[in-house]
Amino acid sequence: MRIDLHTHSTASDGTDTPAELVRNAAAAGLDVVALTDHDSVGGYAEAKAALPAGLTLVTGAELSCRVGGVSMHMLAYLFDPDEPELARERELVRDDRVPRARSMVAKLQELGVPVTWEQVARIAGDGAVGRPHVAAAMVELGVVETVSDAFTPQWLANDGRAYAEKHELDPFDAIRLVKAAGGVTVFAHPLAVKRGRTIPESVIAELAAAGLDGIEVDHMEHDDAARARLRGLAADLGLLTTGSSDYHGSRKTVALGAYTTDPEIYGEIVRRAFGAFPVPGAGG
C-alpha cells in the first residue's frame, strides 16, 4: 500500500480542488490519501463525492498551534468534524487569517514589495488565506523564485521581517480537543528548520505524555540527520512515525506520494480513531 497522510486542496492553500486532489492521488498510484487542509474541513464533501474506486480517503486537518512563542502544526486525523468545541477553535483560527494576511501585506509594502491585498485575495480564492498565498503573490512579482523561497527570515518565516501572528491553539489543548472528537494527532514536520524556530525535544516529550500519537518523520524539509533524530526520539517516547508529501499542488515542487507512511502505522492510526472512519472510493 502507498499511503500519503498530508495534503492540501483549495479549501486552504493548495492549488488542486478537493476533487482534483483525489483524482491526482489515484493517478499517482496512491492507495490512501489524507486531506489535511489548514484548520478547515471544507473540502471533505467534494473529495468524497469525487473519490475514485481503489482510493481510500482519510479526513483530517492541519491545526495551527503555538507553544513557548513558537508556531507548530498539528495534523489531526479521523475526528468528528461536527464536535462543537474543536469546530469553534478552527473557526477562531480561520477568522483571524484575513487580518493576519492583510498585516503581512502591509509589512511587505513597508519593505518595498508592491504586493496588494487584492492580489493575495485573488490567489486565495475561496480557500482559507495563508502565508502560501502571500508567497505566491511574491512569486508573481518576481521577488522570489518559488513559494518556499519566501519562507525565510528575510520574508515570511516564523518571526521573519514580514511575519504576522494569528490566533493559534495551544498544542496541549489541540491534543485534548482532537482526542475528545475521536481523532488522532501527529506533530507535522517538527524539524523544518527553514521555517524558523522549532519545538524543543523536551516539549515534544511533554506533548507525548499529554497524548500526542505521533510525529511526521519522512518529509521534504527533513534531511537524513533530522529523520534519524526523529526516529530515535519517537522510539524513546513511544510515538508513531509517519511520512507524507505535504502536497500543495503547483504551489510546491513535491509530488503526491513523494513520502509515504508504513501500512502498519496507518492501521494503528485507524484503530485509535473513533470520530470518523476512512472512506473507500466507489468510483465518484
C-alpha atoms as a PDB file:
ATOM      1  CA  MET A   1       0.000   0.000   0.000  1.00  0.00           C
ATOM      2  CA  ARG A   2       1.111   3.555  -0.768  1.00  0.00           C
ATOM      3  CA  ILE A   3      -0.202   5.958   1.868  1.00  0.00           C
ATOM      4  CA  ASP A   4       0.205   9.773   1.854  1.00  0.00           C
ATOM      5  CA  LEU A   5      -1.153  11.361   5.041  1.00  0.00           C
ATOM      6  CA  HIS A   6      -0.617  15.103   4.461  1.00  0.00           C
ATOM      7  CA  THR A   7      -2.081  17.008   1.500  1.00  0.00           C
ATOM      8  CA  HIS A   8      -3.804  20.330   0.847  1.00  0.00           C
ATOM      9  CA  SER A   9      -6.523  21.486  -1.534  1.00  0.00           C
ATOM     10  CA  THR A  10      -8.049  24.819  -2.495  1.00  0.00           C
ATOM     11  CA  ALA A  11     -10.061  24.593   0.735  1.00  0.00           C
ATOM     12  CA  SER A  12      -6.897  26.018   2.296  1.00  0.00           C
ATOM     13  CA  ASP A  13      -3.694  26.801   0.382  1.00  0.00           C
ATOM     14  CA  GLY A  14      -3.339  24.057  -2.249  1.00  0.00           C
ATOM     15  CA  THR A  15      -3.918  24.588  -5.959  1.00  0.00           C
ATOM     16  CA  ASP A  16      -5.910  21.388  -6.631  1.00  0.00           C
ATOM     17  CA  THR A  17      -9.605  21.388  -5.844  1.00  0.00           C
ATOM     18  CA  PRO A  18     -10.558  18.548  -3.476  1.00  0.00           C
ATOM     19  CA  ALA A  19     -11.922  16.613  -6.459  1.00  0.00           C
ATOM     20  CA  GLU A  20      -8.739  17.166  -8.469  1.00  0.00           C
ATOM     21  CA  LEU A  21      -6.632  16.169  -5.493  1.00  0.00           C
ATOM     22  CA  VAL A  22      -8.231  12.746  -5.036  1.00  0.00           C
ATOM     23  CA  ARG A  23      -8.141  12.080  -8.790  1.00  0.00           C
ATOM     24  CA  ASN A  24      -4.464  13.074  -8.901  1.00  0.00           C
ATOM     25  CA  ALA A  25      -3.767  10.892  -5.873  1.00  0.00           C
ATOM     26  CA  ALA A  26      -5.230   7.882  -7.658  1.00  0.00           C
ATOM     27  CA  ALA A  27      -3.262   8.718 -10.804  1.00  0.00           C
ATOM     28  CA  ALA A  28      -0.082   8.891  -8.683  1.00  0.00           C
ATOM     29  CA  GLY A  29      -0.677   5.291  -7.579  1.00  0.00           C
ATOM     30  CA  LEU A  30      -1.742   6.029  -4.018  1.00  0.00           C
ATOM     31  CA  ASP A  31      -3.986   3.623  -2.134  1.00  0.00           C
ATOM     32  CA  VAL A  32      -4.733   6.040   0.740  1.00  0.00           C
ATOM     33  CA  VAL A  33      -4.642   9.834   0.856  1.00  0.00           C
ATOM     34  CA  ALA A  34      -5.406  12.170   3.763  1.00  0.00           C
ATOM     35  CA  LEU A  35      -6.940  15.580   3.100  1.00  0.00           C
ATOM     36  CA  THR A  36      -5.470  17.852   5.795  1.00  0.00           C
ATOM     37  CA  ASP A  37      -6.307  21.440   4.899  1.00  0.00           C
ATOM     38  CA  HIS A  38      -5.268  24.161   7.318  1.00  0.00           C
ATOM     39  CA  ASP A  39      -7.865  24.498  10.093  1.00  0.00           C
ATOM     40  CA  SER A  40     -10.580  23.528   7.613  1.00  0.00           C
ATOM     41  CA  VAL A  41     -12.852  20.600   6.808  1.00  0.00           C
ATOM     42  CA  GLY A  42     -14.401  22.467   3.887  1.00  0.00           C
ATOM     43  CA  GLY A  43     -13.047  20.104   1.231  1.00  0.00           C
ATOM     44  CA  TYR A  44     -14.462  16.877   2.660  1.00  0.00           C
ATOM     45  CA  ALA A  45     -17.755  16.701   0.756  1.00  0.00           C
ATOM     46  CA  GLU A  46     -16.246  17.397  -2.671  1.00  0.00           C
ATOM     47  CA  ALA A  47     -13.372  14.958  -2.106  1.00  0.00           C
ATOM     48  CA  LYS A  48     -15.746  12.193  -1.015  1.00  0.00           C
ATOM     49  CA  ALA A  49     -18.051  12.764  -3.985  1.00  0.00           C
ATOM     50  CA  ALA A  50     -15.161  12.525  -6.451  1.00  0.00           C
ATOM     51  CA  LEU A  51     -13.273   9.680  -4.765  1.00  0.00           C
ATOM     52  CA  PRO A  52     -12.115   7.170  -7.401  1.00  0.00           C
ATOM     53  CA  ALA A  53     -12.527   3.437  -6.908  1.00  0.00           C
ATOM     54  CA  GLY A  54      -9.463   1.924  -5.309  1.00  0.00           C
ATOM     55  CA  LEU A  55      -8.501   5.042  -3.343  1.00  0.00           C
ATOM     56  CA  THR A  56      -9.333   5.491   0.351  1.00  0.00           C
ATOM     57  CA  LEU A  57      -9.783   8.989   1.804  1.00  0.00           C
ATOM     58  CA  VAL A  58      -8.705   9.832   5.347  1.00  0.00           C
ATOM     59  CA  THR A  59     -10.341  13.027   6.567  1.00  0.00           C
ATOM     60  CA  GLY A  60      -8.238  15.374   8.662  1.00  0.00           C
ATOM     61  CA  ALA A  61      -6.924  18.883   9.179  1.00  0.00           C
ATOM     62  CA  GLU A  62      -3.650  20.640   9.945  1.00  0.00           C
ATOM     63  CA  LEU A  63      -4.235  22.722  13.069  1.00  0.00           C
ATOM     64  CA  SER A  64      -2.306  25.935  13.706  1.00  0.00           C
ATOM     65  CA  CYS A  65      -0.703  25.837  17.158  1.00  0.00           C
ATOM     66  CA  ARG A  66       1.793  27.830  19.209  1.00  0.00           C
ATOM     67  CA  VAL A  67       3.764  26.948  22.329  1.00  0.00           C
ATOM     68  CA  GLY A  68       6.503  28.938  24.030  1.00  0.00           C
ATOM     69  CA  GLY A  69       6.252  31.600  21.346  1.00  0.00           C
ATOM     70  CA  VAL A  70       6.969  29.088  18.564  1.00  0.00           C
ATOM     71  CA  SER A  71       4.429  28.152  15.882  1.00  0.00           C
ATOM     72  CA  MET A  72       3.843  24.493  15.101  1.00  0.00           C
ATOM     73  CA  HIS A  73       1.330  22.471  13.093  1.00  0.00           C
ATOM     74  CA  MET A  74      -0.667  19.537  14.410  1.00  0.00           C
ATOM     75  CA  LEU A  75      -2.099  17.009  11.985  1.00  0.00           C
ATOM     76  CA  ALA A  76      -5.428  15.676  13.197  1.00  0.00           C
ATOM     77  CA  TYR A  77      -6.957  12.586  11.627  1.00  0.00           C
ATOM     78  CA  LEU A  78     -10.406  10.994  11.643  1.00  0.00           C
ATOM     79  CA  PHE A  79     -12.005  13.305  14.199  1.00  0.00           C
ATOM     80  CA  ASP A  80     -15.698  14.181  14.266  1.00  0.00           C
ATOM     81  CA  PRO A  81     -15.847  17.414  12.208  1.00  0.00           C
ATOM     82  CA  ASP A  82     -19.055  18.455  13.958  1.00  0.00           C
ATOM     83  CA  GLU A  83     -17.712  18.228  17.516  1.00  0.00           C
ATOM     84  CA  PRO A  84     -18.568  21.761  18.726  1.00  0.00           C
ATOM     85  CA  GLU A  85     -15.534  22.743  20.814  1.00  0.00           C
ATOM     86  CA  LEU A  86     -12.982  21.757  18.173  1.00  0.00           C
ATOM     87  CA  ALA A  87     -15.150  23.311  15.438  1.00  0.00           C
ATOM     88  CA  ARG A  88     -15.250  26.580  17.399  1.00  0.00           C
ATOM     89  CA  GLU A  89     -11.449  26.683  17.719  1.00  0.00           C
ATOM     90  CA  ARG A  90     -10.994  26.034  13.998  1.00  0.00           C
ATOM     91  CA  GLU A  91     -13.366  28.891  13.260  1.00  0.00           C
ATOM     92  CA  LEU A  92     -11.406  31.269  15.519  1.00  0.00           C
ATOM     93  CA  VAL A  93      -8.211  30.457  13.643  1.00  0.00           C
ATOM     94  CA  ARG A  94      -9.876  30.875  10.234  1.00  0.00           C
ATOM     95  CA  ASP A  95     -11.476  34.193  11.232  1.00  0.00           C
ATOM     96  CA  ASP A  96      -8.035  35.560  12.128  1.00  0.00           C
ATOM     97  CA  ARG A  97      -6.481  34.602   8.799  1.00  0.00           C
ATOM     98  CA  VAL A  98      -7.697  37.635   6.817  1.00  0.00           C
ATOM     99  CA  PRO A  99      -6.439  40.335   9.220  1.00  0.00           C
ATOM    100  CA  ARG A 100      -3.199  38.395   9.560  1.00  0.00           C
ATOM    101  CA  ALA A 101      -2.696  38.232   5.787  1.00  0.00           C
ATOM    102  CA  ARG A 102      -3.512  41.940   5.477  1.00  0.00           C
ATOM    103  CA  SER A 103      -0.872  42.655   8.117  1.00  0.00           C
ATOM    104  CA  MET A 104       1.741  40.674   6.182  1.00  0.00           C
ATOM    105  CA  VAL A 105       0.846  42.557   3.007  1.00  0.00           C
ATOM    106  CA  ALA A 106       1.311  45.859   4.842  1.00  0.00           C
ATOM    107  CA  LYS A 107       4.697  44.746   6.197  1.00  0.00           C
ATOM    108  CA  LEU A 108       5.850  43.669   2.739  1.00  0.00           C
ATOM    109  CA  GLN A 109       4.794  47.029   1.314  1.00  0.00           C
ATOM    110  CA  GLU A 110       6.885  48.739   4.025  1.00  0.00           C
ATOM    111  CA  LEU A 111       9.800  46.590   2.859  1.00  0.00           C
ATOM    112  CA  GLY A 112       9.345  47.803  -0.711  1.00  0.00           C
ATOM    113  CA  VAL A 113       7.445  44.799  -2.096  1.00  0.00           C
ATOM    114  CA  PRO A 114       4.492  46.077  -4.194  1.00  0.00           C
ATOM    115  CA  VAL A 115       2.136  43.259  -3.210  1.00  0.00           C
ATOM    116  CA  THR A 116      -1.539  44.182  -2.723  1.00  0.00           C
ATOM    117  CA  TRP A 117      -4.355  42.642  -0.705  1.00  0.00           C
ATOM    118  CA  GLU A 118      -6.408  42.327  -3.902  1.00  0.00           C
ATOM    119  CA  GLN A 119      -3.655  40.210  -5.457  1.00  0.00           C
ATOM    120  CA  VAL A 120      -3.448  37.901  -2.428  1.00  0.00           C
ATOM    121  CA  ALA A 121      -7.249  37.587  -2.219  1.00  0.00           C
ATOM    122  CA  ARG A 122      -7.394  36.641  -5.907  1.00  0.00           C
ATOM    123  CA  ILE A 123      -4.784  33.922  -5.419  1.00  0.00           C
ATOM    124  CA  ALA A 124      -6.524  32.563  -2.304  1.00  0.00           C
ATOM    125  CA  GLY A 125      -9.941  32.414  -3.999  1.00  0.00           C
ATOM    126  CA  ASP A 126     -12.347  30.548  -1.751  1.00  0.00           C
ATOM    127  CA  GLY A 127      -9.560  28.944   0.290  1.00  0.00           C
ATOM    128  CA  ALA A 128      -8.500  29.832   3.827  1.00  0.00           C
ATOM    129  CA  VAL A 129      -5.975  32.587   3.117  1.00  0.00           C
ATOM    130  CA  GLY A 130      -2.494  31.950   4.474  1.00  0.00           C
ATOM    131  CA  ARG A 131       1.202  32.612   4.028  1.00  0.00           C
ATOM    132  CA  PRO A 132       1.494  30.477   0.868  1.00  0.00           C
ATOM    133  CA  HIS A 133      -0.956  32.820  -0.878  1.00  0.00           C
ATOM    134  CA  VAL A 134       1.150  35.818   0.136  1.00  0.00           C
ATOM    135  CA  ALA A 135       4.243  33.924  -1.001  1.00  0.00           C
ATOM    136  CA  ALA A 136       2.579  33.131  -4.351  1.00  0.00           C
ATOM    137  CA  ALA A 137       1.951  36.853  -4.830  1.00  0.00           C
ATOM    138  CA  MET A 138       5.668  37.465  -4.239  1.00  0.00           C
ATOM    139  CA  VAL A 139       6.468  34.851  -6.894  1.00  0.00           C
ATOM    140  CA  GLU A 140       4.139  36.613  -9.347  1.00  0.00           C
ATOM    141  CA  LEU A 141       6.013  39.852  -8.700  1.00  0.00           C
ATOM    142  CA  GLY A 142       9.410  38.187  -9.196  1.00  0.00           C
ATOM    143  CA  VAL A 143      10.548  38.937  -5.643  1.00  0.00           C
ATOM    144  CA  VAL A 144      11.314  35.247  -5.030  1.00  0.00           C
ATOM    145  CA  GLU A 145      11.538  32.307  -7.435  1.00  0.00           C
ATOM    146  CA  THR A 146       9.381  29.835  -5.514  1.00  0.00           C
ATOM    147  CA  VAL A 147       6.859  29.835  -2.685  1.00  0.00           C
ATOM    148  CA  SER A 148       9.380  28.031  -0.473  1.00  0.00           C
ATOM    149  CA  ASP A 149      11.896  30.828  -1.053  1.00  0.00           C
ATOM    150  CA  ALA A 150       9.513  33.239   0.682  1.00  0.00           C
ATOM    151  CA  PHE A 151       9.578  31.179   3.885  1.00  0.00           C
ATOM    152  CA  THR A 152      12.863  32.613   5.154  1.00  0.00           C
ATOM    153  CA  PRO A 153      13.718  35.073   7.957  1.00  0.00           C
ATOM    154  CA  GLN A 154      14.070  37.733   5.270  1.00  0.00           C
ATOM    155  CA  TRP A 155      10.386  37.393   4.454  1.00  0.00           C
ATOM    156  CA  LEU A 156       7.625  35.113   5.834  1.00  0.00           C
ATOM    157  CA  ALA A 157       9.283  32.542   8.087  1.00  0.00           C
ATOM    158  CA  ASN A 158       8.193  32.439  11.710  1.00  0.00           C
ATOM    159  CA  ASP A 159       9.491  35.708  13.209  1.00  0.00           C
ATOM    160  CA  GLY A 160      10.586  36.859   9.729  1.00  0.00           C
ATOM    161  CA  ARG A 161      10.526  40.521   8.721  1.00  0.00           C
ATOM    162  CA  ALA A 162       7.030  40.284   7.203  1.00  0.00           C
ATOM    163  CA  TYR A 163       5.633  37.639   9.549  1.00  0.00           C
ATOM    164  CA  ALA A 164       2.415  38.337  11.443  1.00  0.00           C
ATOM    165  CA  GLU A 165       0.909  36.238  14.193  1.00  0.00           C
ATOM    166  CA  LYS A 166      -2.610  34.810  14.175  1.00  0.00           C
ATOM    167  CA  HIS A 167      -4.836  33.050  16.657  1.00  0.00           C
ATOM    168  CA  GLU A 168      -3.300  29.644  17.283  1.00  0.00           C
ATOM    169  CA  LEU A 169      -4.220  26.756  19.534  1.00  0.00           C
ATOM    170  CA  ASP A 170      -2.135  25.665  22.451  1.00  0.00           C
ATOM    171  CA  PRO A 171      -0.954  22.213  21.254  1.00  0.00           C
ATOM    172  CA  PHE A 172      -1.893  20.608  24.560  1.00  0.00           C
ATOM    173  CA  ASP A 173      -5.418  21.938  24.064  1.00  0.00           C
ATOM    174  CA  ALA A 174      -5.327  20.719  20.459  1.00  0.00           C
ATOM    175  CA  ILE A 175      -4.478  17.190  21.595  1.00  0.00           C
ATOM    176  CA  ARG A 176      -7.258  17.277  24.176  1.00  0.00           C
ATOM    177  CA  LEU A 177      -9.830  18.600  21.689  1.00  0.00           C
ATOM    178  CA  VAL A 178      -8.912  16.173  18.914  1.00  0.00           C
ATOM    179  CA  LYS A 179      -8.958  13.237  21.339  1.00  0.00           C
ATOM    180  CA  ALA A 180     -12.383  14.317  22.628  1.00  0.00           C
ATOM    181  CA  ALA A 181     -13.578  14.397  18.999  1.00  0.00           C
ATOM    182  CA  GLY A 182     -12.334  10.841  18.465  1.00  0.00           C
ATOM    183  CA  GLY A 183      -9.264  11.763  16.432  1.00  0.00           C
ATOM    184  CA  VAL A 184      -5.538  11.052  16.300  1.00  0.00           C
ATOM    185  CA  THR A 185      -2.755  13.678  16.496  1.00  0.00           C
ATOM    186  CA  VAL A 186       0.597  13.804  14.696  1.00  0.00           C
ATOM    187  CA  PHE A 187       3.106  16.665  15.022  1.00  0.00           C
ATOM    188  CA  ALA A 188       3.768  17.891  11.466  1.00  0.00           C
ATOM    189  CA  HIS A 189       7.336  18.459  10.167  1.00  0.00           C
ATOM    190  CA  PRO A 190       8.799  19.071  13.662  1.00  0.00           C
ATOM    191  CA  LEU A 191      12.341  19.783  12.399  1.00  0.00           C
ATOM    192  CA  ALA A 192      11.517  22.020   9.427  1.00  0.00           C
ATOM    193  CA  VAL A 193      14.221  24.468  10.472  1.00  0.00           C
ATOM    194  CA  LYS A 194      13.931  26.624   7.350  1.00  0.00           C
ATOM    195  CA  ARG A 195      10.571  27.861   8.639  1.00  0.00           C
ATOM    196  CA  GLY A 196      12.115  29.309  11.804  1.00  0.00           C
ATOM    197  CA  ARG A 197      12.479  28.158  15.380  1.00  0.00           C
ATOM    198  CA  THR A 198      11.439  24.585  16.149  1.00  0.00           C
ATOM    199  CA  ILE A 199       9.911  22.980  19.230  1.00  0.00           C
ATOM    200  CA  PRO A 200      12.476  21.588  21.719  1.00  0.00           C
ATOM    201  CA  GLU A 201      12.545  17.836  22.240  1.00  0.00           C
ATOM    202  CA  SER A 202      11.632  18.395  25.900  1.00  0.00           C
ATOM    203  CA  VAL A 203       8.308  19.910  24.786  1.00  0.00           C
ATOM    204  CA  ILE A 204       7.701  17.045  22.350  1.00  0.00           C
ATOM    205  CA  ALA A 205       8.168  14.708  25.314  1.00  0.00           C
ATOM    206  CA  GLU A 206       5.565  16.699  27.255  1.00  0.00           C
ATOM    207  CA  LEU A 207       3.191  16.510  24.279  1.00  0.00           C
ATOM    208  CA  ALA A 208       3.721  12.741  24.126  1.00  0.00           C
ATOM    209  CA  ALA A 209       2.868  12.482  27.809  1.00  0.00           C
ATOM    210  CA  ALA A 210      -0.290  14.514  27.101  1.00  0.00           C
ATOM    211  CA  GLY A 211      -1.454  12.053  24.449  1.00  0.00           C
ATOM    212  CA  LEU A 212       0.292  13.006  21.199  1.00  0.00           C
ATOM    213  CA  ASP A 213       0.103   9.956  18.938  1.00  0.00           C
ATOM    214  CA  GLY A 214       2.938  10.516  16.511  1.00  0.00           C
ATOM    215  CA  ILE A 215       5.428  12.710  14.669  1.00  0.00           C
ATOM    216  CA  GLU A 216       5.874  13.235  10.950  1.00  0.00           C
ATOM    217  CA  VAL A 217       9.364  11.985  10.102  1.00  0.00           C
ATOM    218  CA  ASP A 218       9.647  11.495   6.337  1.00  0.00           C
ATOM    219  CA  HIS A 219       9.013  14.989   4.957  1.00  0.00           C
ATOM    220  CA  MET A 220      10.641  17.062   2.245  1.00  0.00           C
ATOM    221  CA  GLU A 221      12.011  19.542   4.811  1.00  0.00           C
ATOM    222  CA  HIS A 222      13.774  16.882   6.896  1.00  0.00           C
ATOM    223  CA  ASP A 223      17.243  15.777   5.838  1.00  0.00           C
ATOM    224  CA  ASP A 224      18.650  12.345   6.685  1.00  0.00           C
ATOM    225  CA  ALA A 225      20.078  13.524  10.001  1.00  0.00           C
ATOM    226  CA  ALA A 226      16.760  15.056  11.056  1.00  0.00           C
ATOM    227  CA  ARG A 227      14.883  11.869  10.165  1.00  0.00           C
ATOM    228  CA  ALA A 228      17.299   9.710  12.127  1.00  0.00           C
ATOM    229  CA  ARG A 229      16.989  12.043  15.122  1.00  0.00           C
ATOM    230  CA  LEU A 230      13.201  11.958  14.964  1.00  0.00           C
ATOM    231  CA  ARG A 231      13.051   8.180  14.649  1.00  0.00           C
ATOM    232  CA  GLY A 232      15.183   7.869  17.768  1.00  0.00           C
ATOM    233  CA  LEU A 233      13.004  10.358  19.620  1.00  0.00           C
ATOM    234  CA  ALA A 234       9.832   8.532  18.555  1.00  0.00           C
ATOM    235  CA  ALA A 235      11.257   5.237  19.766  1.00  0.00           C
ATOM    236  CA  ASP A 236      12.152   6.772  23.121  1.00  0.00           C
ATOM    237  CA  LEU A 237       8.708   8.350  23.556  1.00  0.00           C
ATOM    238  CA  GLY A 238       6.577   5.553  22.095  1.00  0.00           C
ATOM    239  CA  LEU A 239       5.292   7.707  19.224  1.00  0.00           C
ATOM    240  CA  LEU A 240       4.108   6.603  15.791  1.00  0.00           C
ATOM    241  CA  THR A 241       6.182   7.811  12.819  1.00  0.00           C
ATOM    242  CA  THR A 242       4.537   8.939   9.591  1.00  0.00           C
ATOM    243  CA  GLY A 243       5.679  10.043   6.151  1.00  0.00           C
ATOM    244  CA  SER A 244       3.868  12.263   3.709  1.00  0.00           C
ATOM    245  CA  SER A 245       4.289  14.713   0.872  1.00  0.00           C
ATOM    246  CA  ASP A 246       2.692  17.865   2.340  1.00  0.00           C
ATOM    247  CA  TYR A 247       1.413  18.283  -1.219  1.00  0.00           C
ATOM    248  CA  HIS A 248       0.134  21.742  -2.224  1.00  0.00           C
ATOM    249  CA  GLY A 249      -0.325  21.181  -5.961  1.00  0.00           C
ATOM    250  CA  SER A 250       1.714  23.552  -8.120  1.00  0.00           C
ATOM    251  CA  ARG A 251       2.463  25.772  -5.110  1.00  0.00           C
ATOM    252  CA  LYS A 252       5.293  23.416  -4.075  1.00  0.00           C
ATOM    253  CA  THR A 253       7.538  21.141  -6.093  1.00  0.00           C
ATOM    254  CA  VAL A 254       6.895  17.971  -4.053  1.00  0.00           C
ATOM    255  CA  ALA A 255       4.713  15.329  -5.734  1.00  0.00           C
ATOM    256  CA  LEU A 256       1.897  13.275  -4.256  1.00  0.00           C
ATOM    257  CA  GLY A 257       3.325  10.136  -2.699  1.00  0.00           C
ATOM    258  CA  ALA A 258       6.875  11.509  -2.579  1.00  0.00           C
ATOM    259  CA  TYR A 259       6.971  10.317   1.038  1.00  0.00           C
ATOM    260  CA  THR A 260       4.648   7.708   2.480  1.00  0.00           C
ATOM    261  CA  THR A 261       3.518   6.078   5.725  1.00  0.00           C
ATOM    262  CA  ASP A 262       4.060   2.442   6.640  1.00  0.00           C
ATOM    263  CA  PRO A 263       0.804   0.453   6.340  1.00  0.00           C
ATOM    264  CA  GLU A 264       1.162  -0.838   9.906  1.00  0.00           C
ATOM    265  CA  ILE A 265       1.380   2.722  11.231  1.00  0.00           C
ATOM    266  CA  TYR A 266      -1.646   3.693   9.173  1.00  0.00           C
ATOM    267  CA  GLY A 267      -3.539   0.724  10.564  1.00  0.00           C
ATOM    268  CA  GLU A 268      -2.727   1.837  14.100  1.00  0.00           C
ATOM    269  CA  ILE A 269      -3.980   5.378  13.379  1.00  0.00           C
ATOM    270  CA  VAL A 270      -7.265   3.944  12.100  1.00  0.00           C
ATOM    271  CA  ARG A 271      -7.502   1.630  15.110  1.00  0.00           C
ATOM    272  CA  ARG A 272      -7.111   4.508  17.560  1.00  0.00           C
ATOM    273  CA  ALA A 273      -9.672   6.791  15.895  1.00  0.00           C
ATOM    274  CA  PHE A 274     -13.386   6.692  16.615  1.00  0.00           C
ATOM    275  CA  GLY A 275     -14.608  10.116  15.457  1.00  0.00           C
ATOM    276  CA  ALA A 276     -14.691   9.183  11.771  1.00  0.00           C
ATOM    277  CA  PHE A 277     -13.658   6.318   9.523  1.00  0.00           C
ATOM    278  CA  PRO A 278     -11.649   6.132   6.270  1.00  0.00           C
ATOM    279  CA  VAL A 279     -13.850   6.459   3.196  1.00  0.00           C
ATOM    280  CA  PRO A 280     -13.310   3.844   0.450  1.00  0.00           C
ATOM    281  CA  GLY A 281     -13.671   5.113  -3.103  1.00  0.00           C
ATOM    282  CA  ALA A 282     -16.652   3.955  -5.093  1.00  0.00           C
ATOM    283  CA  GLY A 283     -15.690   5.489  -8.428  1.00  0.00           C
ATOM    284  CA  GLY A 284     -17.075   9.004  -7.900  1.00  0.00           C
END
